[in-house]
Amino acid sequence: MAVIEQEVMPTTIDITPILSVTPAAVEVIRNLLQQRNIPNHSLRVFVSGGGCSGMQYGMAFEESPKEFDKVVAMDGVSLIVDSTSLMYLQGATIDYVDSLMGGGFRIENPNAVSSCGCGSSFRTSSSGGESSGGCGSCSH
């Protein structure tokens, strides 16, 4: 009796994390939660329409996620992302940058094809619209 062996082809699975958070950003989030006396809250990261490049980043503290939200936990802090924002934030990295001009969160977004000069808004290839490429008069 002949035995037929099937050759198994290796498969590559690309698993892109929902969001990455740098240690600097984790530390700032942790400190904000402690200062505001809301240690059990999470940071919601979202995208909304508006801004000089078409889409705008937003953040707010919330006590608990809603149905269909994704939660990213890292080093004792949790971030919440709704399913619509996830389409624009998949694979992004949240960092905290402190400079002489002040500090703030910065989002490195691989989905953005252009960003506002202030870093608060962006445009993706699927979000359409024209971008001025800069931000002369941000009101974010």
Protein backbone atom coordinates (compact mmCIF):
# COMPACT_ATOMS: atom_id res chain seq x y z
CA MET A 1 0.00 0.00 0.00
CA ALA A 2 1.39 3.41 -0.95
CA VAL A 3 1.39 6.24 1.53
CA ILE A 4 0.79 9.69 0.13
CA GLU A 5 2.24 12.50 2.19
CA GLN A 6 0.92 15.99 1.87
CA GLU A 7 3.45 18.75 1.85
CA VAL A 8 2.53 21.41 4.36
CA MET A 9 3.33 24.89 3.16
CA PRO A 10 4.35 27.35 5.85
CA THR A 11 1.94 30.20 6.32
CA THR A 12 2.82 33.69 7.35
CA ILE A 13 0.36 35.42 9.60
CA ASP A 14 0.73 39.17 9.94
CA ILE A 15 -0.50 40.16 13.37
CA THR A 16 -0.51 43.92 13.73
CA PRO A 17 -1.11 45.06 17.30
CA ILE A 18 -4.13 47.26 17.90
CA LEU A 19 -2.01 49.99 19.48
CA SER A 20 1.41 50.27 20.99
CA VAL A 21 2.18 52.53 23.92
CA THR A 22 5.68 53.69 24.78
CA PRO A 23 6.95 53.50 28.37
CA ALA A 24 6.96 57.32 28.52
CA ALA A 25 3.26 57.46 27.59
CA VAL A 26 2.40 54.69 30.05
CA GLU A 27 4.10 56.64 32.84
CA VAL A 28 2.22 59.86 32.02
CA ILE A 29 -1.13 58.03 31.81
CA ARG A 30 -0.43 56.33 35.15
CA ASN A 31 0.46 59.70 36.75
CA LEU A 32 -2.67 61.38 35.37
CA LEU A 33 -4.88 58.60 36.71
CA GLN A 34 -3.27 58.99 40.13
CA GLN A 35 -3.44 62.81 40.14
CA ARG A 36 -7.13 62.75 39.20
CA ASN A 37 -7.83 60.00 41.74
CA ILE A 38 -9.35 57.70 39.08
CA PRO A 39 -7.03 54.68 39.26
CA ASN A 40 -9.59 52.25 37.77
CA HIS A 41 -10.30 54.31 34.65
CA SER A 42 -8.95 53.73 31.16
CA LEU A 43 -7.81 56.16 28.49
CA ARG A 44 -10.13 56.19 25.49
CA VAL A 45 -8.29 56.98 22.26
CA PHE A 46 -10.54 57.95 19.37
CA VAL A 47 -10.68 59.53 15.95
CA SER A 48 -13.31 62.02 14.85
CA GLY A 49 -13.95 64.09 11.76
CA GLY A 50 -12.52 67.60 11.71
CA GLY A 51 -9.15 69.19 12.08
CA CYS A 52 -7.17 70.80 9.31
CA SER A 53 -6.17 67.46 7.76
CA GLY A 54 -9.61 65.81 7.89
CA MET A 55 -9.48 63.52 10.93
CA GLN A 56 -8.66 64.48 14.50
CA TYR A 57 -7.28 62.46 17.42
CA GLY A 58 -8.95 62.63 20.81
CA MET A 59 -8.40 61.18 24.28
CA ALA A 60 -10.55 61.03 27.40
CA PHE A 61 -10.67 59.00 30.60
CA GLU A 62 -13.56 56.52 31.01
CA GLU A 63 -14.53 54.14 33.76
CA SER A 64 -15.29 51.14 31.58
CA PRO A 65 -15.38 50.06 27.92
CA LYS A 66 -18.58 49.86 25.92
CA GLU A 67 -19.80 46.92 23.89
CA PHE A 68 -17.58 46.26 20.83
CA ASP A 69 -14.68 48.33 22.22
CA LYS A 70 -11.17 46.89 22.11
CA VAL A 71 -9.03 47.20 25.22
CA VAL A 72 -5.24 47.36 25.21
CA ALA A 73 -3.60 46.78 28.59
CA MET A 74 0.03 47.58 29.17
CA ASP A 75 2.03 47.92 32.39
CA GLY A 76 -0.99 48.63 34.56
CA VAL A 77 -2.84 51.06 32.28
CA SER A 78 -5.63 50.34 29.83
CA LEU A 79 -6.56 52.05 26.58
CA ILE A 80 -9.98 51.74 24.97
CA VAL A 81 -10.59 52.05 21.21
CA ASP A 82 -14.01 51.92 19.53
CA SER A 83 -14.39 49.86 16.36
CA THR A 84 -14.65 52.87 14.03
CA SER A 85 -11.51 54.53 15.42
CA LEU A 86 -9.72 51.20 15.25
CA MET A 87 -9.92 51.32 11.44
CA TYR A 88 -7.76 54.46 11.53
CA LEU A 89 -5.53 53.61 14.52
CA GLN A 90 -4.61 49.97 13.82
CA GLY A 91 -0.86 49.63 14.36
CA ALA A 92 -0.35 53.17 15.70
CA THR A 93 2.05 53.99 18.53
CA ILE A 94 1.19 56.44 21.29
CA ASP A 95 4.14 58.30 22.76
CA TYR A 96 4.59 61.19 25.16
CA VAL A 97 7.07 63.86 24.14
CA ASP A 98 8.34 66.54 26.50
CA SER A 99 10.14 69.49 24.96
CA LEU A 100 10.98 73.11 25.72
CA MET A 101 7.71 74.12 24.07
CA GLY A 102 5.73 71.81 26.35
CA GLY A 103 4.75 68.19 26.48
CA GLY A 104 2.03 66.16 24.90
CA PHE A 105 0.94 62.85 23.49
CA ARG A 106 2.07 62.08 19.96
CA ILE A 107 0.54 59.39 17.78
CA GLU A 108 2.73 57.73 15.18
CA ASN A 109 0.10 56.44 12.77
CA PRO A 110 1.12 54.18 9.87
CA ASN A 111 -2.30 54.77 8.31
CA ALA A 112 -1.85 58.55 7.97
CA VAL A 113 -0.75 59.82 4.57
CA SER A 114 -0.45 63.40 5.84
CA SER A 115 -0.55 65.07 9.23
CA CYS A 116 -1.25 68.50 10.56
CA GLY A 117 1.72 70.56 11.71
CA CYS A 118 0.45 70.44 15.29
CA GLY A 119 0.11 66.64 15.18
CA SER A 120 -3.54 66.69 16.26
CA SER A 121 -5.10 65.82 12.93
CA PHE A 122 -4.32 63.59 9.97
CA ARG A 123 -5.61 62.25 6.69
CA THR A 124 -5.61 58.66 5.45
CA SER A 125 -5.82 57.51 1.87
CA SER A 126 -9.38 56.30 2.50
CA SER A 127 -10.58 59.44 4.33
CA GLY A 128 -10.38 61.54 1.15
CA GLY A 129 -10.40 65.29 1.08
CA GLU A 130 -7.62 67.70 0.33
CA SER A 131 -4.95 68.45 2.86
CA SER A 132 -3.22 71.75 3.20
CA GLY A 133 -0.15 69.82 4.33
CA GLY A 134 0.33 72.18 7.22
CA CYS A 135 -1.40 73.87 10.03
CA GLY A 136 -1.18 77.60 9.99
CA SER A 137 -4.26 78.20 12.09
CA CYS A 138 -5.04 75.18 14.23
CA SER A 139 -7.71 75.67 16.83
CA HIS A 140 -7.43 72.22 18.39
